[in-house]
Amino acid sequence: MSRTRGRQVLDGRAPESGRGLEARVRSGAAWGVVNNLTIRFANIAVMVVVVRLVSPEQFGVFAAALTVSVVVSGFADWGVAAYLVRGDVDPDEVGPTVTAIAILSGVVLAVLVSLSAPRLADMFGAPAAVEEIRVMSLVLVVGGVIAVPTALLAREFQQGRLFAATVAGFVPSSILLVVLATQGAGAMAFAWSRVAAIVFQGAFILVAVARVYRPRITSRHLRHVFAFGLPLAGANLVNYALVNADYALVGHQFGAAFLGVYMLAFNVSSWATAVLSGAINGVAMPGFSRVWGNRQQLSSALGRSTRAVCLVAFVIAAMTYVLAEPLIRVLYGATWDEAAPVLEILAVYGGCFALVSLLSNLLVGAGRTSRALVIQVAWLVALFPAMAIGARMDGLHGVAWAHVAVVLLVVLPAYGLAVSPLVDGLAGILGRAIVLPLACAGLAAVAAALAMRTVESPHGQLLVGAAAGGAVYTAVAGRALLDLARSGRGGGGA
């Protein structure tokens, strides 16, 4: 049963709280981490094989096509599917309308992308990417079909089913990728594997979800749905433009080969965020949306979430910084050595971005999507000139340093200002949550750097450095990790 309260269609049930919600949030977070860890390491293994079969230029062509697909996918449903994730919204009331919007938008955007493929490819300095862009436009169509079912699973913290869906898409698409790359398909191997992944993943989601709505637009819901969705879609568009604008700049100024090198470095630097993205994006927003009206609960949840994110993200970033050279050589071969110094810089950005993602989800969970959009726009406005200056001064390295400077000097302070009215004592909460993970990650990095000096081979440096850093981090951060686990089991909540 649902009722209309004010101007928003709300679920008739009382806001969820207590142990039931806490258990579901913890379960969803656990599955989110398992999902991303499993797929991330599996994807690394596949890429280790495939990247050795393609040239940096071919990888750069794929980077151009992937960037177009990712940016457009970020706003393909106009943010309306996320409306269903909120715990205070009745999905049965607005689900058909959201379904219709998502499917129609996906089809229309796919056609537009396909028609615009030549111009988009030229913009990235990769004219050979036209057909790859057109193939990957199919992702938008399938994404529109499964947008609402995916949101419903996230709403109910069904990260276990989402994990199974990811596996269902990953396995056949990876096999296809390796087979096509072995046969010399180049960038097209990546494009078709992406399409295969979302098709198999989507089929599983449609079977796993409890209900599928027939598309039907009800005009009275449009205003409420778009009032929430459009600012979020705008924020997503700006966010994906931020994440991928450097690809356009690098490709346009330096060509597809350098774009391939840069994309590899950026992908590796994103491991910290990728490991946590399932828990942050799939759990933090619905979790925060259920407690944002209680300032004490929200402050407590933010403190625990920040420490948890930083305990994982900071050590990954620190170890990636120290181990960049042997990591690239061992995993991808000498052809990709130019990616190592870029990776060192971007590793710092990767650690910061995980914290940014958490704060962004808090704003969205509290319904402050307009604030999120303003920050994303400010980020983009600051980043473009910074990257242009960096590219002229120091090539790929300058582009990477621009990311670090803007996220530290502009973005994190902006999120602090936006979140502070919602959380009492924000600076103290974040400071207490960050200082220990940062110190522990620093000690682990120092240990890894010292250990690497004892060996000369890249394989030995990677093994010894990782072992030393891991041992030190376990020793200094082990108690914090155990306390975090005990707090979660004891009802710590989100």
Protein backbone atom coordinates (compact mmCIF):
# COMPACT_ATOMS: atom_id res chain seq x y z
CA MET A 1 0.00 0.00 0.00
CA SER A 2 1.26 3.46 -0.78
CA ARG A 3 0.14 6.99 -0.14
CA THR A 4 1.07 10.44 -1.32
CA ARG A 5 2.71 12.62 1.30
CA GLY A 6 3.45 16.15 0.15
CA ARG A 7 4.83 15.90 -3.35
CA GLN A 8 6.48 12.51 -3.28
CA VAL A 9 5.17 8.97 -3.60
CA LEU A 10 6.22 7.27 -0.39
CA ASP A 11 6.15 3.77 0.90
CA GLY A 12 3.42 3.34 3.48
CA ARG A 13 5.71 1.45 5.85
CA ALA A 14 7.50 3.21 8.68
CA PRO A 15 11.15 4.08 8.02
CA GLU A 16 13.27 1.01 8.58
CA SER A 17 15.68 1.08 11.49
CA GLY A 18 17.32 -1.10 14.08
CA ARG A 19 18.92 -4.50 13.82
CA GLY A 20 17.00 -5.59 10.73
CA LEU A 21 18.32 -2.73 8.63
CA GLU A 22 21.81 -3.05 10.10
CA ALA A 23 21.97 -6.74 9.25
CA ARG A 24 20.82 -6.11 5.69
CA VAL A 25 23.29 -3.26 5.21
CA ARG A 26 26.18 -5.37 6.55
CA SER A 27 25.17 -8.30 4.36
CA GLY A 28 24.87 -6.07 1.32
CA ALA A 29 28.22 -4.44 2.04
CA ALA A 30 29.90 -7.83 2.46
CA TRP A 31 28.49 -9.08 -0.84
CA GLY A 32 29.48 -5.83 -2.52
CA VAL A 33 33.09 -6.26 -1.42
CA VAL A 34 33.12 -9.96 -2.37
CA ASN A 35 31.64 -9.09 -5.75
CA ASN A 36 34.22 -6.46 -6.58
CA LEU A 37 37.19 -8.35 -5.17
CA THR A 38 36.32 -11.48 -7.12
CA ILE A 39 35.58 -9.75 -10.40
CA ARG A 40 38.47 -7.33 -10.03
CA PHE A 41 41.05 -10.08 -9.55
CA ALA A 42 39.47 -12.20 -12.27
CA ASN A 43 39.50 -9.22 -14.62
CA ILE A 44 43.15 -8.54 -13.80
CA ALA A 45 43.97 -12.12 -14.76
CA VAL A 46 42.12 -11.81 -18.06
CA MET A 47 43.70 -8.44 -18.86
CA VAL A 48 47.18 -9.77 -18.12
CA VAL A 49 46.64 -12.24 -20.95
CA VAL A 50 44.79 -10.00 -23.38
CA VAL A 51 46.86 -6.81 -23.06
CA ARG A 52 49.91 -8.79 -24.15
CA LEU A 53 48.03 -9.69 -27.36
CA VAL A 54 47.18 -6.12 -28.39
CA SER A 55 49.22 -3.01 -29.01
CA PRO A 56 48.91 0.23 -27.04
CA GLU A 57 47.28 1.79 -30.11
CA GLN A 58 44.61 -0.95 -30.30
CA PHE A 59 43.98 -0.58 -26.58
CA GLY A 60 43.65 3.16 -27.12
CA VAL A 61 41.00 2.61 -29.80
CA PHE A 62 39.03 0.54 -27.31
CA ALA A 63 39.56 3.24 -24.68
CA ALA A 64 37.86 5.77 -26.96
CA ALA A 65 34.85 3.49 -27.55
CA LEU A 66 34.62 2.56 -23.88
CA THR A 67 34.73 6.17 -22.77
CA VAL A 68 31.81 7.10 -25.02
CA SER A 69 29.80 4.14 -23.72
CA VAL A 70 30.55 4.85 -20.07
CA VAL A 71 29.82 8.57 -20.24
CA VAL A 72 26.50 8.11 -22.02
CA SER A 73 25.52 5.20 -19.76
CA GLY A 74 26.02 7.47 -16.76
CA PHE A 75 22.91 9.47 -17.62
CA ALA A 76 21.11 7.04 -19.95
CA ASP A 77 18.12 6.57 -17.62
CA TRP A 78 18.15 10.25 -16.55
CA GLY A 79 18.80 9.19 -12.96
CA VAL A 80 15.28 7.89 -12.46
CA ALA A 81 16.22 4.28 -11.66
CA ALA A 82 18.07 5.46 -8.55
CA TYR A 83 14.77 6.91 -7.32
CA LEU A 84 13.58 3.34 -6.70
CA VAL A 85 16.60 2.54 -4.53
CA ARG A 86 15.44 4.99 -1.87
CA GLY A 87 13.82 3.22 1.06
CA ASP A 88 11.05 5.82 1.40
CA VAL A 89 9.65 5.31 -2.12
CA ASP A 90 7.01 2.76 -3.13
CA PRO A 91 8.45 0.96 -6.20
CA ASP A 92 5.12 -0.58 -7.21
CA GLU A 93 3.65 2.88 -7.61
CA VAL A 94 6.35 4.44 -9.79
CA GLY A 95 8.12 1.35 -11.18
CA PRO A 96 6.22 1.17 -14.52
CA THR A 97 6.89 4.84 -15.23
CA VAL A 98 10.58 4.54 -14.44
CA THR A 99 10.81 1.39 -16.57
CA ALA A 100 9.33 3.17 -19.59
CA ILE A 101 11.67 6.12 -19.23
CA ALA A 102 14.76 3.91 -18.89
CA ILE A 103 14.00 1.70 -21.91
CA LEU A 104 12.98 4.56 -24.21
CA SER A 105 16.01 6.60 -23.26
CA GLY A 106 18.40 3.69 -23.80
CA VAL A 107 17.14 3.04 -27.32
CA VAL A 108 17.18 6.70 -28.37
CA LEU A 109 20.67 7.33 -27.01
CA ALA A 110 22.02 4.18 -28.68
CA VAL A 111 20.81 5.44 -32.05
CA LEU A 112 22.29 8.89 -31.47
CA VAL A 113 25.66 7.46 -30.42
CA SER A 114 25.78 5.20 -33.46
CA LEU A 115 25.04 8.08 -35.82
CA SER A 116 27.63 10.30 -34.11
CA ALA A 117 30.37 7.66 -34.02
CA PRO A 118 32.68 9.24 -36.65
CA ARG A 119 32.77 12.60 -34.89
CA LEU A 120 33.20 11.00 -31.48
CA ALA A 121 36.11 8.90 -32.72
CA ASP A 122 37.86 11.95 -34.18
CA MET A 123 37.40 13.80 -30.89
CA PHE A 124 39.45 11.12 -29.15
CA GLY A 125 42.17 11.12 -31.78
CA ALA A 126 41.18 7.55 -32.71
CA PRO A 127 39.41 7.58 -36.10
CA ALA A 128 39.67 3.78 -36.21
CA ALA A 129 37.22 3.53 -33.28
CA VAL A 130 34.04 4.20 -35.29
CA GLU A 131 32.84 0.61 -35.53
CA GLU A 132 33.77 -0.14 -31.92
CA ILE A 133 31.70 2.83 -30.76
CA ARG A 134 28.72 1.59 -32.76
CA VAL A 135 29.00 -1.94 -31.39
CA MET A 136 29.18 -0.69 -27.82
CA SER A 137 26.10 1.48 -28.28
CA LEU A 138 24.18 -1.78 -27.86
CA VAL A 139 25.15 -1.64 -24.18
CA LEU A 140 22.81 1.34 -23.80
CA VAL A 141 19.81 -0.62 -25.05
CA VAL A 142 20.35 -3.54 -22.68
CA GLY A 143 21.19 -1.16 -19.84
CA GLY A 144 17.83 0.54 -20.24
CA VAL A 145 15.99 -2.77 -20.01
CA ILE A 146 17.70 -3.85 -16.78
CA ALA A 147 17.98 -0.45 -15.06
CA VAL A 148 14.89 -0.91 -12.90
CA PRO A 149 15.46 -4.60 -12.01
CA THR A 150 19.01 -3.72 -10.95
CA ALA A 151 17.74 -0.84 -8.81
CA LEU A 152 15.21 -3.13 -7.12
CA LEU A 153 17.90 -5.63 -6.17
CA ALA A 154 20.06 -2.82 -4.77
CA ARG A 155 17.07 -1.45 -2.85
CA GLU A 156 16.64 -4.76 -1.03
CA PHE A 157 20.40 -5.14 -0.47
CA GLN A 158 20.46 -8.20 -2.73
CA GLN A 159 24.15 -7.83 -3.53
CA GLY A 160 24.46 -11.61 -3.51
CA ARG A 161 22.24 -11.84 -6.57
CA LEU A 162 23.97 -8.91 -8.20
CA PHE A 163 27.27 -10.71 -7.64
CA ALA A 164 25.91 -13.83 -9.30
CA ALA A 165 24.70 -11.71 -12.22
CA THR A 166 28.13 -10.15 -12.58
CA VAL A 167 29.72 -13.58 -12.68
CA ALA A 168 27.14 -14.73 -15.22
CA GLY A 169 28.22 -11.89 -17.48
CA PHE A 170 31.93 -12.00 -16.74
CA VAL A 171 32.67 -15.64 -17.56
CA PRO A 172 31.30 -15.87 -21.12
CA SER A 173 32.43 -12.36 -22.02
CA SER A 174 35.98 -13.07 -20.84
CA ILE A 175 36.12 -16.26 -22.87
CA LEU A 176 34.92 -14.33 -25.91
CA LEU A 177 37.50 -11.60 -25.28
CA VAL A 178 40.43 -14.01 -25.12
CA VAL A 179 39.28 -15.95 -28.19
CA LEU A 180 38.77 -12.82 -30.31
CA ALA A 181 42.04 -11.23 -29.14
CA THR A 182 43.95 -14.42 -29.94
CA GLN A 183 42.48 -14.32 -33.45
CA GLY A 184 43.70 -10.75 -33.94
CA ALA A 185 40.42 -8.89 -33.51
CA GLY A 186 42.19 -6.09 -31.62
CA ALA A 187 39.94 -3.41 -30.18
CA MET A 188 36.81 -5.09 -31.52
CA ALA A 189 37.47 -8.01 -29.17
CA PHE A 190 36.99 -5.69 -26.20
CA ALA A 191 33.87 -4.12 -27.73
CA TRP A 192 31.99 -7.37 -28.35
CA SER A 193 33.02 -8.76 -24.97
CA ARG A 194 31.43 -5.73 -23.28
CA VAL A 195 28.19 -6.30 -25.13
CA ALA A 196 28.22 -10.01 -24.26
CA ALA A 197 28.84 -9.20 -20.59
CA ILE A 198 25.79 -6.96 -20.17
CA VAL A 199 23.55 -9.32 -22.18
CA PHE A 200 24.32 -12.33 -19.96
CA GLN A 201 24.30 -10.20 -16.81
CA GLY A 202 20.98 -8.67 -17.77
CA ALA A 203 19.39 -12.04 -18.47
CA PHE A 204 20.36 -13.22 -14.99
CA ILE A 205 19.04 -10.06 -13.33
CA LEU A 206 15.68 -10.36 -15.07
CA VAL A 207 15.34 -13.90 -13.72
CA ALA A 208 16.60 -13.03 -10.22
CA VAL A 209 14.48 -9.95 -9.53
CA ALA A 210 11.22 -10.50 -7.67
CA ARG A 211 9.10 -8.43 -10.05
CA VAL A 212 9.45 -6.88 -13.49
CA TYR A 213 7.28 -3.90 -14.38
CA ARG A 214 5.67 -3.39 -17.74
CA PRO A 215 6.62 0.02 -19.13
CA ARG A 216 3.77 2.46 -18.63
CA ILE A 217 4.10 6.19 -18.12
CA THR A 218 1.83 7.76 -15.51
CA SER A 219 2.02 11.51 -15.94
CA ARG A 220 1.46 12.39 -12.28
CA HIS A 221 4.71 10.61 -11.33
CA LEU A 222 6.92 12.31 -13.89
CA ARG A 223 7.48 15.50 -11.93
CA HIS A 224 8.54 13.71 -8.74
CA VAL A 225 10.71 11.16 -10.54
CA PHE A 226 12.53 13.73 -12.66
CA ALA A 227 12.89 16.14 -9.73
CA PHE A 228 15.05 13.50 -8.08
CA GLY A 229 16.56 11.94 -11.18
CA LEU A 230 17.59 14.87 -13.36
CA PRO A 231 20.01 16.45 -10.85
CA LEU A 232 21.46 13.00 -10.21
CA ALA A 233 21.75 12.33 -13.95
CA GLY A 234 23.44 15.67 -14.36
CA ALA A 235 25.83 14.84 -11.53
CA ASN A 236 26.51 11.44 -13.08
CA LEU A 237 27.14 13.00 -16.48
CA VAL A 238 29.57 15.49 -15.00
CA ASN A 239 31.16 12.76 -12.89
CA TYR A 240 31.72 10.47 -15.86
CA ALA A 241 32.95 13.42 -17.88
CA LEU A 242 35.40 14.10 -15.05
CA VAL A 243 36.58 10.51 -14.91
CA ASN A 244 36.93 10.29 -18.68
CA ALA A 245 37.77 13.84 -19.81
CA ASP A 246 41.45 13.04 -19.52
CA TYR A 247 41.01 10.23 -22.04
CA ALA A 248 39.60 12.70 -24.56
CA LEU A 249 42.40 15.16 -23.88
CA VAL A 250 45.17 12.55 -24.04
CA GLY A 251 43.76 10.93 -27.16
CA HIS A 252 43.21 14.24 -28.93
CA GLN A 253 46.66 15.64 -28.11
CA PHE A 254 48.87 12.55 -28.10
CA GLY A 255 47.06 9.88 -30.17
CA ALA A 256 45.62 6.42 -29.58
CA ALA A 257 48.88 4.74 -28.50
CA PHE A 258 49.46 7.17 -25.62
CA LEU A 259 45.78 6.92 -24.77
CA GLY A 260 46.20 3.16 -24.39
CA VAL A 261 49.16 3.62 -22.05
CA TYR A 262 47.31 6.21 -19.99
CA MET A 263 44.15 4.10 -19.76
CA LEU A 264 46.11 1.12 -18.47
CA ALA A 265 47.71 3.25 -15.76
CA PHE A 266 44.37 4.76 -14.77
CA ASN A 267 42.70 1.35 -14.60
CA VAL A 268 45.35 0.00 -12.25
CA SER A 269 45.19 3.14 -10.10
CA SER A 270 41.44 2.63 -9.74
CA TRP A 271 41.80 -0.70 -7.96
CA ALA A 272 41.11 0.91 -4.58
CA THR A 273 37.85 2.41 -5.81
CA ALA A 274 36.89 -0.68 -7.80
CA VAL A 275 37.30 -2.93 -4.77
CA LEU A 276 34.96 -0.72 -2.75
CA SER A 277 32.53 0.47 -5.40
CA GLY A 278 30.02 -2.32 -4.87
CA ALA A 279 29.75 -1.58 -1.16
CA ILE A 280 29.80 2.20 -1.61
CA ASN A 281 27.46 2.61 -4.58
CA GLY A 282 25.20 -0.36 -3.90
CA VAL A 283 24.87 -0.05 -0.12
CA ALA A 284 25.91 3.40 1.11
CA MET A 285 23.19 5.37 -0.69
CA PRO A 286 20.23 3.20 0.37
CA GLY A 287 21.77 2.85 3.84
CA PHE A 288 22.26 6.58 4.33
CA SER A 289 18.79 7.30 2.93
CA ARG A 290 17.25 5.31 5.79
CA VAL A 291 19.02 7.17 8.61
CA TRP A 292 19.62 10.67 7.25
CA GLY A 293 16.74 12.09 9.29
CA ASN A 294 18.52 11.10 12.53
CA ARG A 295 21.67 13.20 12.84
CA GLN A 296 23.20 10.99 15.52
CA GLN A 297 22.73 7.80 13.51
CA LEU A 298 23.97 9.49 10.34
CA SER A 299 27.11 10.79 12.07
CA SER A 300 27.83 7.37 13.52
CA ALA A 301 27.26 5.64 10.18
CA LEU A 302 29.49 8.12 8.35
CA GLY A 303 32.34 7.66 10.83
CA ARG A 304 32.27 3.88 10.56
CA SER A 305 31.88 3.94 6.79
CA THR A 306 34.74 6.39 6.34
CA ARG A 307 37.12 4.34 8.44
CA ALA A 308 36.14 1.15 6.62
CA VAL A 309 36.64 2.74 3.20
CA CYS A 310 39.97 4.30 4.15
CA LEU A 311 41.33 1.12 5.72
CA VAL A 312 41.01 -0.55 2.32
CA ALA A 313 41.53 2.32 -0.13
CA PHE A 314 44.58 3.96 1.44
CA VAL A 315 46.71 0.83 1.69
CA ILE A 316 45.89 -0.17 -1.89
CA ALA A 317 46.83 3.31 -3.09
CA ALA A 318 50.05 3.38 -1.05
CA MET A 319 51.20 -0.05 -2.18
CA THR A 320 50.32 0.72 -5.80
CA TYR A 321 52.45 3.87 -5.61
CA VAL A 322 55.48 2.01 -4.30
CA LEU A 323 55.14 -1.10 -6.47
CA ALA A 324 54.13 0.64 -9.73
CA GLU A 325 57.23 -0.21 -11.79
CA PRO A 326 57.50 -3.93 -11.01
CA LEU A 327 53.72 -4.25 -11.08
CA ILE A 328 53.42 -2.99 -14.66
CA ARG A 329 56.43 -4.98 -15.88
CA VAL A 330 55.34 -8.27 -14.31
CA LEU A 331 51.66 -8.08 -15.19
CA TYR A 332 51.70 -6.46 -18.61
CA GLY A 333 55.21 -6.69 -20.01
CA ALA A 334 57.93 -4.25 -21.04
CA THR A 335 55.74 -2.82 -23.83
CA TRP A 336 53.76 -0.98 -21.17
CA ASP A 337 56.64 0.37 -19.04
CA GLU A 338 55.62 3.96 -19.83
CA ALA A 339 52.50 3.43 -17.73
CA ALA A 340 54.45 2.99 -14.47
CA PRO A 341 55.35 6.63 -13.67
CA VAL A 342 51.81 7.71 -14.56
CA LEU A 343 50.47 5.01 -12.25
CA GLU A 344 52.53 6.30 -9.33
CA ILE A 345 50.78 9.66 -9.54
CA LEU A 346 47.30 8.31 -10.19
CA ALA A 347 47.54 5.93 -7.22
CA VAL A 348 47.23 8.97 -4.94
CA TYR A 349 44.13 10.05 -6.81
CA GLY A 350 42.63 6.56 -6.52
CA GLY A 351 42.81 6.63 -2.74
CA CYS A 352 41.17 10.07 -2.56
CA PHE A 353 38.42 9.16 -5.02
CA ALA A 354 37.14 6.36 -2.77
CA LEU A 355 36.44 8.91 -0.02
CA VAL A 356 34.83 11.28 -2.52
CA SER A 357 32.52 8.48 -3.68
CA LEU A 358 31.38 7.84 -0.11
CA LEU A 359 30.56 11.49 0.56
CA SER A 360 28.76 11.74 -2.77
CA ASN A 361 26.55 8.79 -1.86
CA LEU A 362 25.72 10.43 1.47
CA LEU A 363 24.43 13.52 -0.33
CA VAL A 364 22.38 11.44 -2.76
CA GLY A 365 21.02 9.26 0.05
CA ALA A 366 19.88 12.39 1.85
CA GLY A 367 18.16 13.61 -1.31
CA ARG A 368 20.65 16.45 -1.85
CA THR A 369 21.25 15.61 -5.51
CA SER A 370 21.41 19.28 -6.51
CA ARG A 371 24.37 19.83 -4.20
CA ALA A 372 26.10 16.81 -5.71
CA LEU A 373 25.56 18.27 -9.17
CA VAL A 374 27.01 21.65 -8.19
CA ILE A 375 30.14 19.98 -6.84
CA GLN A 376 30.56 17.86 -9.94
CA VAL A 377 30.27 20.93 -12.16
CA ALA A 378 32.83 22.81 -10.06
CA TRP A 379 35.11 19.78 -10.28
CA LEU A 380 34.85 19.69 -14.05
CA VAL A 381 35.39 23.44 -14.38
CA ALA A 382 38.57 23.20 -12.30
CA LEU A 383 39.87 20.01 -13.89
CA PHE A 384 39.77 20.95 -17.57
CA PRO A 385 42.20 23.89 -17.40
CA ALA A 386 44.36 22.04 -14.87
CA MET A 387 44.73 19.07 -17.23
CA ALA A 388 45.41 21.31 -20.22
CA ILE A 389 48.19 23.09 -18.32
CA GLY A 390 49.55 19.80 -17.01
CA ALA A 391 49.59 18.24 -20.48
CA ARG A 392 51.59 21.15 -21.89
CA MET A 393 54.06 21.15 -19.00
CA ASP A 394 54.66 17.44 -18.45
CA GLY A 395 52.64 15.32 -20.88
CA LEU A 396 50.85 12.34 -19.37
CA HIS A 397 52.45 12.99 -15.99
CA GLY A 398 51.05 16.51 -15.92
CA VAL A 399 47.55 15.24 -16.68
CA ALA A 400 47.84 12.81 -13.77
CA TRP A 401 49.06 15.50 -11.36
CA ALA A 402 46.11 17.69 -12.35
CA HIS A 403 43.74 15.02 -11.05
CA VAL A 404 45.51 14.89 -7.69
CA ALA A 405 45.66 18.66 -7.25
CA VAL A 406 42.00 19.25 -8.06
CA VAL A 407 40.61 16.45 -5.90
CA LEU A 408 42.64 17.60 -2.88
CA LEU A 409 42.28 21.36 -3.25
CA VAL A 410 38.77 21.68 -4.72
CA VAL A 411 36.65 18.55 -4.50
CA LEU A 412 37.17 17.26 -0.96
CA PRO A 413 36.74 20.74 0.59
CA ALA A 414 33.58 21.24 -1.48
CA TYR A 415 32.08 17.98 -0.26
CA GLY A 416 32.99 18.96 3.28
CA LEU A 417 31.00 22.18 2.94
CA ALA A 418 28.03 20.35 1.40
CA VAL A 419 27.88 17.56 3.98
CA SER A 420 28.58 19.63 7.10
CA PRO A 421 24.97 20.89 7.50
CA LEU A 422 23.81 17.27 7.66
CA VAL A 423 26.41 15.94 10.10
CA ASP A 424 27.39 17.49 13.43
CA GLY A 425 31.15 17.82 13.90
CA LEU A 426 32.00 16.62 10.39
CA ALA A 427 35.67 17.63 10.50
CA GLY A 428 36.26 15.70 13.71
CA ILE A 429 34.40 12.64 12.45
CA LEU A 430 36.38 12.50 9.21
CA GLY A 431 39.68 13.32 10.90
CA ARG A 432 39.35 10.54 13.47
CA ALA A 433 38.28 8.09 10.78
CA ILE A 434 41.10 8.94 8.37
CA VAL A 435 44.21 9.42 10.50
CA LEU A 436 44.77 5.78 11.50
CA PRO A 437 44.29 4.26 8.01
CA LEU A 438 46.55 6.94 6.54
CA ALA A 439 49.33 6.32 9.06
CA CYS A 440 49.11 2.54 8.69
CA ALA A 441 49.18 2.75 4.89
CA GLY A 442 52.22 5.03 5.05
CA LEU A 443 54.12 2.58 7.26
CA ALA A 444 53.25 -0.28 4.92
CA ALA A 445 54.51 1.70 1.92
CA VAL A 446 57.82 2.50 3.64
CA ALA A 447 58.30 -1.17 4.51
CA ALA A 448 57.59 -2.20 0.93
CA ALA A 449 60.01 0.39 -0.49
CA LEU A 450 62.81 -0.73 1.83
CA ALA A 451 62.23 -4.40 1.08
CA MET A 452 62.33 -3.80 -2.68
CA ARG A 453 65.90 -2.52 -2.40
CA THR A 454 67.11 -5.99 -1.45
CA VAL A 455 66.30 -7.52 -4.86
CA GLU A 456 66.80 -6.46 -8.48
CA SER A 457 64.36 -8.46 -10.61
CA PRO A 458 60.86 -7.02 -11.13
CA HIS A 459 59.28 -10.30 -10.03
CA GLY A 460 61.34 -10.34 -6.85
CA GLN A 461 60.64 -6.69 -6.09
CA LEU A 462 56.91 -7.18 -6.50
CA LEU A 463 56.85 -10.28 -4.32
CA VAL A 464 59.12 -9.00 -1.56
CA GLY A 465 57.61 -5.52 -1.51
CA ALA A 466 54.04 -6.78 -1.35
CA ALA A 467 54.90 -9.29 1.37
CA ALA A 468 56.71 -6.73 3.53
CA GLY A 469 54.05 -4.08 3.11
CA GLY A 470 51.25 -6.54 3.75
CA ALA A 471 52.93 -7.87 6.90
CA VAL A 472 53.48 -4.39 8.34
CA TYR A 473 49.94 -3.29 7.52
CA THR A 474 48.48 -6.37 9.16
CA ALA A 475 50.54 -5.69 12.26
CA VAL A 476 49.68 -2.01 12.65
CA ALA A 477 46.09 -2.02 11.34
CA GLY A 478 44.99 -5.47 12.44
CA ARG A 479 43.33 -4.25 15.63
CA ALA A 480 41.40 -1.58 13.75
CA LEU A 481 40.17 -4.14 11.23
CA LEU A 482 39.08 -6.51 14.00
CA ASP A 483 37.35 -3.70 15.89
CA LEU A 484 35.52 -2.75 12.72
CA ALA A 485 34.35 -6.32 12.20
CA ARG A 486 33.22 -6.66 15.83
CA SER A 487 31.38 -3.34 15.62
CA GLY A 488 29.50 -4.54 12.56
CA ARG A 489 28.50 -7.84 14.18
CA GLY A 490 27.44 -6.03 17.30
CA GLY A 491 24.97 -3.78 15.53
CA GLY A 492 27.13 -0.99 14.42
CA GLY A 493 25.08 -0.45 11.43
CA ALA A 494 26.10 0.98 8.19
